[in-house]
Amino acid sequence: VGVAPGAAVPGYRVAGKTGTAQRASSEC
């Protein structure tokens, strides 16, 4: 059900959160 199965660590319980953000340009 999650969006980041690649962040799992075998044998351990992992809590996490992804982030994707637009970057602001200082020029425009």
mmCIF file of all heavy atoms, coordinates in Angstrom:
data_MODEL
# 
_entry.id   MODEL 
# 
loop_
_atom_site.group_PDB 
_atom_site.id 
_atom_site.type_symbol 
_atom_site.label_atom_id 
_atom_site.label_alt_id 
_atom_site.label_comp_id 
_atom_site.label_asym_id 
_atom_site.label_entity_id 
_atom_site.label_seq_id 
_atom_site.pdbx_PDB_ins_code 
_atom_site.Cartn_x 
_atom_site.Cartn_y 
_atom_site.Cartn_z 
_atom_site.occupancy 
_atom_site.B_iso_or_equiv 
_atom_site.pdbx_formal_charge 
_atom_site.auth_seq_id 
_atom_site.auth_comp_id 
_atom_site.auth_asym_id 
_atom_site.auth_atom_id 
_atom_site.pdbx_PDB_model_num 
ATOM 1   N N   . VAL A 1 1  ? 0.809  -1.230 0.000   1.00 0.00 ? 1  VAL A N   1 
ATOM 2   C CA  . VAL A 1 1  ? 0.000  0.000  0.000   1.00 0.00 ? 1  VAL A CA  1 
ATOM 3   C C   . VAL A 1 1  ? 0.838  1.274  0.000   1.00 0.00 ? 1  VAL A C   1 
ATOM 4   O O   . VAL A 1 1  ? 0.297  2.357  -0.221  1.00 0.00 ? 1  VAL A O   1 
ATOM 5   C CB  . VAL A 1 1  ? -0.956 0.023  1.211   1.00 0.00 ? 1  VAL A CB  1 
ATOM 6   C CG1 . VAL A 1 1  ? -1.896 -1.173 1.185   1.00 0.00 ? 1  VAL A CG1 1 
ATOM 7   C CG2 . VAL A 1 1  ? -0.183 0.049  2.525   1.00 0.00 ? 1  VAL A CG2 1 
ATOM 8   N N   . GLY A 1 2  ? 2.141  1.184  0.250   1.00 0.00 ? 2  GLY A N   1 
ATOM 9   C CA  . GLY A 1 2  ? 2.969  2.368  0.384   1.00 0.00 ? 2  GLY A CA  1 
ATOM 10  C C   . GLY A 1 2  ? 3.644  2.791  -0.902  1.00 0.00 ? 2  GLY A C   1 
ATOM 11  O O   . GLY A 1 2  ? 3.705  2.026  -1.871  1.00 0.00 ? 2  GLY A O   1 
ATOM 12  N N   . VAL A 1 3  ? 4.169  4.008  -0.898  1.00 0.00 ? 3  VAL A N   1 
ATOM 13  C CA  . VAL A 1 3  ? 4.832  4.553  -2.089  1.00 0.00 ? 3  VAL A CA  1 
ATOM 14  C C   . VAL A 1 3  ? 6.339  4.391  -2.032  1.00 0.00 ? 3  VAL A C   1 
ATOM 15  O O   . VAL A 1 3  ? 7.032  4.773  -2.971  1.00 0.00 ? 3  VAL A O   1 
ATOM 16  C CB  . VAL A 1 3  ? 4.484  6.049  -2.273  1.00 0.00 ? 3  VAL A CB  1 
ATOM 17  C CG1 . VAL A 1 3  ? 3.001  6.216  -2.565  1.00 0.00 ? 3  VAL A CG1 1 
ATOM 18  C CG2 . VAL A 1 3  ? 4.903  6.866  -1.044  1.00 0.00 ? 3  VAL A CG2 1 
ATOM 19  N N   . ALA A 1 4  ? 6.891  3.839  -0.948  1.00 0.00 ? 4  ALA A N   1 
ATOM 20  C CA  . ALA A 1 4  ? 8.352  3.746  -0.822  1.00 0.00 ? 4  ALA A CA  1 
ATOM 21  C C   . ALA A 1 4  ? 8.793  2.411  -0.249  1.00 0.00 ? 4  ALA A C   1 
ATOM 22  O O   . ALA A 1 4  ? 9.487  2.357  0.772   1.00 0.00 ? 4  ALA A O   1 
ATOM 23  C CB  . ALA A 1 4  ? 8.883  4.892  0.039   1.00 0.00 ? 4  ALA A CB  1 
ATOM 24  N N   . PRO A 1 5  ? 8.447  1.298  -0.891  1.00 0.00 ? 5  PRO A N   1 
ATOM 25  C CA  . PRO A 1 5  ? 8.906  0.002  -0.382  1.00 0.00 ? 5  PRO A CA  1 
ATOM 26  C C   . PRO A 1 5  ? 10.429 -0.133 -0.433  1.00 0.00 ? 5  PRO A C   1 
ATOM 27  O O   . PRO A 1 5  ? 11.001 -0.934 0.313   1.00 0.00 ? 5  PRO A O   1 
ATOM 28  C CB  . PRO A 1 5  ? 8.218  -1.005 -1.314  1.00 0.00 ? 5  PRO A CB  1 
ATOM 29  C CG  . PRO A 1 5  ? 7.933  -0.241 -2.569  1.00 0.00 ? 5  PRO A CG  1 
ATOM 30  C CD  . PRO A 1 5  ? 7.618  1.149  -2.113  1.00 0.00 ? 5  PRO A CD  1 
ATOM 31  N N   . GLY A 1 6  ? 11.085 0.655  -1.301  1.00 0.00 ? 6  GLY A N   1 
ATOM 32  C CA  . GLY A 1 6  ? 12.546 0.595  -1.396  1.00 0.00 ? 6  GLY A CA  1 
ATOM 33  C C   . GLY A 1 6  ? 13.253 1.129  -0.173  1.00 0.00 ? 6  GLY A C   1 
ATOM 34  O O   . GLY A 1 6  ? 14.468 0.955  -0.029  1.00 0.00 ? 6  GLY A O   1 
ATOM 35  N N   . ALA A 1 7  ? 12.525 1.788  0.726   1.00 0.00 ? 7  ALA A N   1 
ATOM 36  C CA  . ALA A 1 7  ? 13.129 2.311  1.948   1.00 0.00 ? 7  ALA A CA  1 
ATOM 37  C C   . ALA A 1 7  ? 13.116 1.306  3.089   1.00 0.00 ? 7  ALA A C   1 
ATOM 38  O O   . ALA A 1 7  ? 13.678 1.560  4.160   1.00 0.00 ? 7  ALA A O   1 
ATOM 39  C CB  . ALA A 1 7  ? 12.402 3.583  2.383   1.00 0.00 ? 7  ALA A CB  1 
ATOM 40  N N   . ALA A 1 8  ? 12.495 0.157  2.881   1.00 0.00 ? 8  ALA A N   1 
ATOM 41  C CA  . ALA A 1 8  ? 12.420 -0.838 3.948   1.00 0.00 ? 8  ALA A CA  1 
ATOM 42  C C   . ALA A 1 8  ? 13.802 -1.386 4.279   1.00 0.00 ? 8  ALA A C   1 
ATOM 43  O O   . ALA A 1 8  ? 14.697 -1.437 3.432   1.00 0.00 ? 8  ALA A O   1 
ATOM 44  C CB  . ALA A 1 8  ? 11.498 -1.978 3.523   1.00 0.00 ? 8  ALA A CB  1 
ATOM 45  N N   . VAL A 1 9  ? 13.977 -1.810 5.532   1.00 0.00 ? 9  VAL A N   1 
ATOM 46  C CA  . VAL A 1 9  ? 15.200 -2.455 5.994   1.00 0.00 ? 9  VAL A CA  1 
ATOM 47  C C   . VAL A 1 9  ? 14.818 -3.857 6.454   1.00 0.00 ? 9  VAL A C   1 
ATOM 48  O O   . VAL A 1 9  ? 14.075 -3.997 7.436   1.00 0.00 ? 9  VAL A O   1 
ATOM 49  C CB  . VAL A 1 9  ? 15.856 -1.679 7.149   1.00 0.00 ? 9  VAL A CB  1 
ATOM 50  C CG1 . VAL A 1 9  ? 17.123 -2.391 7.619   1.00 0.00 ? 9  VAL A CG1 1 
ATOM 51  C CG2 . VAL A 1 9  ? 16.170 -0.243 6.730   1.00 0.00 ? 9  VAL A CG2 1 
ATOM 52  N N   . PRO A 1 10 ? 15.275 -4.888 5.763   1.00 0.00 ? 10 PRO A N   1 
ATOM 53  C CA  . PRO A 1 10 ? 14.857 -6.258 6.093   1.00 0.00 ? 10 PRO A CA  1 
ATOM 54  C C   . PRO A 1 10 ? 15.052 -6.576 7.581   1.00 0.00 ? 10 PRO A C   1 
ATOM 55  O O   . PRO A 1 10 ? 16.116 -6.339 8.151   1.00 0.00 ? 10 PRO A O   1 
ATOM 56  C CB  . PRO A 1 10 ? 15.766 -7.123 5.216   1.00 0.00 ? 10 PRO A CB  1 
ATOM 57  C CG  . PRO A 1 10 ? 16.072 -6.244 4.040   1.00 0.00 ? 10 PRO A CG  1 
ATOM 58  C CD  . PRO A 1 10 ? 16.186 -4.857 4.605   1.00 0.00 ? 10 PRO A CD  1 
ATOM 59  N N   . GLY A 1 11 ? 13.996 -7.093 8.185   1.00 0.00 ? 11 GLY A N   1 
ATOM 60  C CA  . GLY A 1 11 ? 14.069 -7.507 9.581   1.00 0.00 ? 11 GLY A CA  1 
ATOM 61  C C   . GLY A 1 11 ? 13.687 -6.432 10.576  1.00 0.00 ? 11 GLY A C   1 
ATOM 62  O O   . GLY A 1 11 ? 13.548 -6.722 11.768  1.00 0.00 ? 11 GLY A O   1 
ATOM 63  N N   . TYR A 1 12 ? 13.492 -5.200 10.118  1.00 0.00 ? 12 TYR A N   1 
ATOM 64  C CA  . TYR A 1 12 ? 13.211 -4.095 11.033  1.00 0.00 ? 12 TYR A CA  1 
ATOM 65  C C   . TYR A 1 12 ? 11.919 -3.377 10.651  1.00 0.00 ? 12 TYR A C   1 
ATOM 66  O O   . TYR A 1 12 ? 11.566 -3.291 9.463   1.00 0.00 ? 12 TYR A O   1 
ATOM 67  C CB  . TYR A 1 12 ? 14.355 -3.070 11.017  1.00 0.00 ? 12 TYR A CB  1 
ATOM 68  C CG  . TYR A 1 12 ? 15.643 -3.582 11.608  1.00 0.00 ? 12 TYR A CG  1 
ATOM 69  C CD1 . TYR A 1 12 ? 16.553 -4.275 10.826  1.00 0.00 ? 12 TYR A CD1 1 
ATOM 70  C CD2 . TYR A 1 12 ? 15.946 -3.374 12.957  1.00 0.00 ? 12 TYR A CD2 1 
ATOM 71  C CE1 . TYR A 1 12 ? 17.744 -4.748 11.357  1.00 0.00 ? 12 TYR A CE1 1 
ATOM 72  C CE2 . TYR A 1 12 ? 17.125 -3.842 13.502  1.00 0.00 ? 12 TYR A CE2 1 
ATOM 73  C CZ  . TYR A 1 12 ? 18.023 -4.534 12.710  1.00 0.00 ? 12 TYR A CZ  1 
ATOM 74  O OH  . TYR A 1 12 ? 19.199 -5.001 13.235  1.00 0.00 ? 12 TYR A OH  1 
ATOM 75  N N   . ARG A 1 13 ? 11.254 -2.841 11.647  1.00 0.00 ? 13 ARG A N   1 
ATOM 76  C CA  . ARG A 1 13 ? 10.119 -1.973 11.413  1.00 0.00 ? 13 ARG A CA  1 
ATOM 77  C C   . ARG A 1 13 ? 10.633 -0.569 11.097  1.00 0.00 ? 13 ARG A C   1 
ATOM 78  O O   . ARG A 1 13 ? 11.447 -0.009 11.850  1.00 0.00 ? 13 ARG A O   1 
ATOM 79  C CB  . ARG A 1 13 ? 9.201  -1.948 12.628  1.00 0.00 ? 13 ARG A CB  1 
ATOM 80  C CG  . ARG A 1 13 ? 8.488  -3.258 12.878  1.00 0.00 ? 13 ARG A CG  1 
ATOM 81  C CD  . ARG A 1 13 ? 7.634  -3.227 14.138  1.00 0.00 ? 13 ARG A CD  1 
ATOM 82  N NE  . ARG A 1 13 ? 6.568  -2.214 14.057  1.00 0.00 ? 13 ARG A NE  1 
ATOM 83  C CZ  . ARG A 1 13 ? 5.643  -2.052 15.004  1.00 0.00 ? 13 ARG A CZ  1 
ATOM 84  N NH1 . ARG A 1 13 ? 5.663  -2.825 16.089  1.00 0.00 ? 13 ARG A NH1 1 
ATOM 85  N NH2 . ARG A 1 13 ? 4.707  -1.138 14.875  1.00 0.00 ? 13 ARG A NH2 1 
ATOM 86  N N   . VAL A 1 14 ? 10.168 -0.003 9.992   1.00 0.00 ? 14 VAL A N   1 
ATOM 87  C CA  . VAL A 1 14 ? 10.635 1.308  9.535   1.00 0.00 ? 14 VAL A CA  1 
ATOM 88  C C   . VAL A 1 14 ? 9.439  2.232  9.375   1.00 0.00 ? 14 VAL A C   1 
ATOM 89  O O   . VAL A 1 14 ? 8.425  1.857  8.777   1.00 0.00 ? 14 VAL A O   1 
ATOM 90  C CB  . VAL A 1 14 ? 11.387 1.206  8.197   1.00 0.00 ? 14 VAL A CB  1 
ATOM 91  C CG1 . VAL A 1 14 ? 11.702 2.597  7.639   1.00 0.00 ? 14 VAL A CG1 1 
ATOM 92  C CG2 . VAL A 1 14 ? 12.668 0.405  8.366   1.00 0.00 ? 14 VAL A CG2 1 
ATOM 93  N N   . ALA A 1 15 ? 9.566  3.444  9.900   1.00 0.00 ? 15 ALA A N   1 
ATOM 94  C CA  . ALA A 1 15 ? 8.571  4.497  9.695   1.00 0.00 ? 15 ALA A CA  1 
ATOM 95  C C   . ALA A 1 15 ? 9.213  5.566  8.828   1.00 0.00 ? 15 ALA A C   1 
ATOM 96  O O   . ALA A 1 15 ? 10.347 5.986  9.097   1.00 0.00 ? 15 ALA A O   1 
ATOM 97  C CB  . ALA A 1 15 ? 8.128  5.092  11.030  1.00 0.00 ? 15 ALA A CB  1 
ATOM 98  N N   . GLY A 1 16 ? 8.507  6.018  7.788   1.00 0.00 ? 16 GLY A N   1 
ATOM 99  C CA  . GLY A 1 16 ? 9.133  6.988  6.900   1.00 0.00 ? 16 GLY A CA  1 
ATOM 100 C C   . GLY A 1 16 ? 8.136  7.824  6.144   1.00 0.00 ? 16 GLY A C   1 
ATOM 101 O O   . GLY A 1 16 ? 6.925  7.613  6.223   1.00 0.00 ? 16 GLY A O   1 
ATOM 102 N N   . LYS A 1 17 ? 8.668  8.785  5.401   1.00 0.00 ? 17 LYS A N   1 
ATOM 103 C CA  . LYS A 1 17 ? 7.819  9.629  4.548   1.00 0.00 ? 17 LYS A CA  1 
ATOM 104 C C   . LYS A 1 17 ? 8.634  10.164 3.393   1.00 0.00 ? 17 LYS A C   1 
ATOM 105 O O   . LYS A 1 17 ? 9.760  10.630 3.567   1.00 0.00 ? 17 LYS A O   1 
ATOM 106 C CB  . LYS A 1 17 ? 7.222  10.800 5.340   1.00 0.00 ? 17 LYS A CB  1 
ATOM 107 C CG  . LYS A 1 17 ? 6.258  11.635 4.515   1.00 0.00 ? 17 LYS A CG  1 
ATOM 108 C CD  . LYS A 1 17 ? 5.001  10.839 4.183   1.00 0.00 ? 17 LYS A CD  1 
ATOM 109 C CE  . LYS A 1 17 ? 4.121  11.527 3.132   1.00 0.00 ? 17 LYS A CE  1 
ATOM 110 N NZ  . LYS A 1 17 ? 4.665  11.365 1.769   1.00 0.00 ? 17 LYS A NZ  1 
ATOM 111 N N   . THR A 1 18 ? 8.041  10.085 2.191   1.00 0.00 ? 18 THR A N   1 
ATOM 112 C CA  . THR A 1 18 ? 8.678  10.627 0.996   1.00 0.00 ? 18 THR A CA  1 
ATOM 113 C C   . THR A 1 18 ? 8.425  12.125 0.882   1.00 0.00 ? 18 THR A C   1 
ATOM 114 O O   . THR A 1 18 ? 7.512  12.680 1.498   1.00 0.00 ? 18 THR A O   1 
ATOM 115 C CB  . THR A 1 18 ? 8.107  9.954  -0.257  1.00 0.00 ? 18 THR A CB  1 
ATOM 116 O OG1 . THR A 1 18 ? 6.687  10.171 -0.285  1.00 0.00 ? 18 THR A OG1 1 
ATOM 117 C CG2 . THR A 1 18 ? 8.383  8.467  -0.250  1.00 0.00 ? 18 THR A CG2 1 
ATOM 118 N N   . GLY A 1 19 ? 9.226  12.757 0.044   1.00 0.00 ? 19 GLY A N   1 
ATOM 119 C CA  . GLY A 1 19 ? 9.028  14.166 -0.253  1.00 0.00 ? 19 GLY A CA  1 
ATOM 120 C C   . GLY A 1 19 ? 9.433  14.482 -1.679  1.00 0.00 ? 19 GLY A C   1 
ATOM 121 O O   . GLY A 1 19 ? 10.512 14.077 -2.113  1.00 0.00 ? 19 GLY A O   1 
ATOM 122 N N   . THR A 1 20 ? 8.557  15.184 -2.411  1.00 0.00 ? 20 THR A N   1 
ATOM 123 C CA  . THR A 1 20 ? 8.883  15.684 -3.743  1.00 0.00 ? 20 THR A CA  1 
ATOM 124 C C   . THR A 1 20 ? 8.288  17.080 -3.842  1.00 0.00 ? 20 THR A C   1 
ATOM 125 O O   . THR A 1 20 ? 7.064  17.246 -3.688  1.00 0.00 ? 20 THR A O   1 
ATOM 126 C CB  . THR A 1 20 ? 8.299  14.794 -4.858  1.00 0.00 ? 20 THR A CB  1 
ATOM 127 O OG1 . THR A 1 20 ? 8.798  13.461 -4.708  1.00 0.00 ? 20 THR A OG1 1 
ATOM 128 C CG2 . THR A 1 20 ? 8.700  15.328 -6.229  1.00 0.00 ? 20 THR A CG2 1 
ATOM 129 N N   . ALA A 1 21 ? 9.146  18.071 -4.054  1.00 0.00 ? 21 ALA A N   1 
ATOM 130 C CA  . ALA A 1 21 ? 8.675  19.458 -4.052  1.00 0.00 ? 21 ALA A CA  1 
ATOM 131 C C   . ALA A 1 21 ? 9.247  20.220 -5.239  1.00 0.00 ? 21 ALA A C   1 
ATOM 132 O O   . ALA A 1 21 ? 10.382 19.986 -5.658  1.00 0.00 ? 21 ALA A O   1 
ATOM 133 C CB  . ALA A 1 21 ? 9.091  20.155 -2.749  1.00 0.00 ? 21 ALA A CB  1 
ATOM 134 N N   . GLN A 1 22 ? 8.441  21.127 -5.780  1.00 0.00 ? 22 GLN A N   1 
ATOM 135 C CA  . GLN A 1 22 ? 8.931  22.020 -6.816  1.00 0.00 ? 22 GLN A CA  1 
ATOM 136 C C   . GLN A 1 22 ? 9.956  22.982 -6.207  1.00 0.00 ? 22 GLN A C   1 
ATOM 137 O O   . GLN A 1 22 ? 9.821  23.401 -5.054  1.00 0.00 ? 22 GLN A O   1 
ATOM 138 C CB  . GLN A 1 22 ? 7.779  22.814 -7.427  1.00 0.00 ? 22 GLN A CB  1 
ATOM 139 C CG  . GLN A 1 22 ? 6.725  21.963 -8.119  1.00 0.00 ? 22 GLN A CG  1 
ATOM 140 C CD  . GLN A 1 22 ? 5.637  22.812 -8.725  1.00 0.00 ? 22 GLN A CD  1 
ATOM 141 O OE1 . GLN A 1 22 ? 5.822  23.433 -9.763  1.00 0.00 ? 22 GLN A OE1 1 
ATOM 142 N NE2 . GLN A 1 22 ? 4.489  22.845 -8.048  1.00 0.00 ? 22 GLN A NE2 1 
ATOM 143 N N   . ARG A 1 23 ? 10.965 23.306 -7.020  1.00 0.00 ? 23 ARG A N   1 
ATOM 144 C CA  . ARG A 1 23 ? 11.995 24.239 -6.560  1.00 0.00 ? 23 ARG A CA  1 
ATOM 145 C C   . ARG A 1 23 ? 11.744 25.619 -7.162  1.00 0.00 ? 23 ARG A C   1 
ATOM 146 O O   . ARG A 1 23 ? 11.468 25.761 -8.361  1.00 0.00 ? 23 ARG A O   1 
ATOM 147 C CB  . ARG A 1 23 ? 13.386 23.768 -6.969  1.00 0.00 ? 23 ARG A CB  1 
ATOM 148 C CG  . ARG A 1 23 ? 13.787 22.454 -6.337  1.00 0.00 ? 23 ARG A CG  1 
ATOM 149 C CD  . ARG A 1 23 ? 15.290 22.311 -6.243  1.00 0.00 ? 23 ARG A CD  1 
ATOM 150 N NE  . ARG A 1 23 ? 15.985 22.660 -7.459  1.00 0.00 ? 23 ARG A NE  1 
ATOM 151 C CZ  . ARG A 1 23 ? 17.311 22.799 -7.532  1.00 0.00 ? 23 ARG A CZ  1 
ATOM 152 N NH1 . ARG A 1 23 ? 18.048 22.632 -6.444  1.00 0.00 ? 23 ARG A NH1 1 
ATOM 153 N NH2 . ARG A 1 23 ? 17.888 23.087 -8.680  1.00 0.00 ? 23 ARG A NH2 1 
ATOM 154 N N   . ALA A 1 24 ? 11.870 26.627 -6.329  1.00 0.00 ? 24 ALA A N   1 
ATOM 155 C CA  . ALA A 1 24 ? 11.711 28.006 -6.785  1.00 0.00 ? 24 ALA A CA  1 
ATOM 156 C C   . ALA A 1 24 ? 13.043 28.539 -7.288  1.00 0.00 ? 24 ALA A C   1 
ATOM 157 O O   . ALA A 1 24 ? 14.094 28.288 -6.697  1.00 0.00 ? 24 ALA A O   1 
ATOM 158 C CB  . ALA A 1 24 ? 11.192 28.879 -5.650  1.00 0.00 ? 24 ALA A CB  1 
ATOM 159 N N   . SER A 1 25 ? 12.990 29.280 -8.388  1.00 0.00 ? 25 SER A N   1 
ATOM 160 C CA  . SER A 1 25 ? 14.188 29.886 -8.960  1.00 0.00 ? 25 SER A CA  1 
ATOM 161 C C   . SER A 1 25 ? 14.295 31.331 -8.498  1.00 0.00 ? 25 SER A C   1 
ATOM 162 O O   . SER A 1 25 ? 13.317 32.088 -8.537  1.00 0.00 ? 25 SER A O   1 
ATOM 163 C CB  . SER A 1 25 ? 14.126 29.837 -10.492 1.00 0.00 ? 25 SER A CB  1 
ATOM 164 O OG  . SER A 1 25 ? 15.143 30.632 -11.063 1.00 0.00 ? 25 SER A OG  1 
ATOM 165 N N   . SER A 1 26 ? 15.498 31.710 -8.067  1.00 0.00 ? 26 SER A N   1 
ATOM 166 C CA  . SER A 1 26 ? 15.716 33.095 -7.647  1.00 0.00 ? 26 SER A CA  1 
ATOM 167 C C   . SER A 1 26 ? 15.739 34.049 -8.830  1.00 0.00 ? 26 SER A C   1 
ATOM 168 O O   . SER A 1 26 ? 15.547 35.250 -8.679  1.00 0.00 ? 26 SER A O   1 
ATOM 169 C CB  . SER A 1 26 ? 17.044 33.202 -6.884  1.00 0.00 ? 26 SER A CB  1 
ATOM 170 O OG  . SER A 1 26 ? 18.120 32.768 -7.693  1.00 0.00 ? 26 SER A OG  1 
ATOM 171 N N   . GLU A 1 27 ? 15.938 33.506 -10.019 1.00 0.00 ? 27 GLU A N   1 
ATOM 172 C CA  . GLU A 1 27 ? 16.017 34.351 -11.209 1.00 0.00 ? 27 GLU A CA  1 
ATOM 173 C C   . GLU A 1 27 ? 14.631 34.790 -11.684 1.00 0.00 ? 27 GLU A C   1 
ATOM 174 O O   . GLU A 1 27 ? 14.385 35.962 -11.941 1.00 0.00 ? 27 GLU A O   1 
ATOM 175 C CB  . GLU A 1 27 ? 16.751 33.618 -12.323 1.00 0.00 ? 27 GLU A CB  1 
ATOM 176 C CG  . GLU A 1 27 ? 18.216 33.310 -11.987 1.00 0.00 ? 27 GLU A CG  1 
ATOM 177 C CD  . GLU A 1 27 ? 18.917 32.574 -13.104 1.00 0.00 ? 27 GLU A CD  1 
ATOM 178 O OE1 . GLU A 1 27 ? 18.252 32.296 -14.147 1.00 0.00 ? 27 GLU A OE1 1 
ATOM 179 O OE2 . GLU A 1 27 ? 20.114 32.260 -12.958 1.00 0.00 ? 27 GLU A OE2 1 
ATOM 180 N N   . CYS A 1 28 ? 13.738 33.812 -11.787 1.00 0.00 ? 28 CYS A N   1 
ATOM 181 C CA  . CYS A 1 28 ? 12.403 34.164 -12.285 1.00 0.00 ? 28 CYS A CA  1 
ATOM 182 C C   . CYS A 1 28 ? 11.382 34.377 -11.170 1.00 0.00 ? 28 CYS A C   1 
ATOM 183 O O   . CYS A 1 28 ? 10.236 34.770 -11.443 1.00 0.00 ? 28 CYS A O   1 
ATOM 184 C CB  . CYS A 1 28 ? 11.903 33.080 -13.232 1.00 0.00 ? 28 CYS A CB  1 
ATOM 185 S SG  . CYS A 1 28 ? 11.543 31.499 -12.404 1.00 0.00 ? 28 CYS A SG  1 
# 
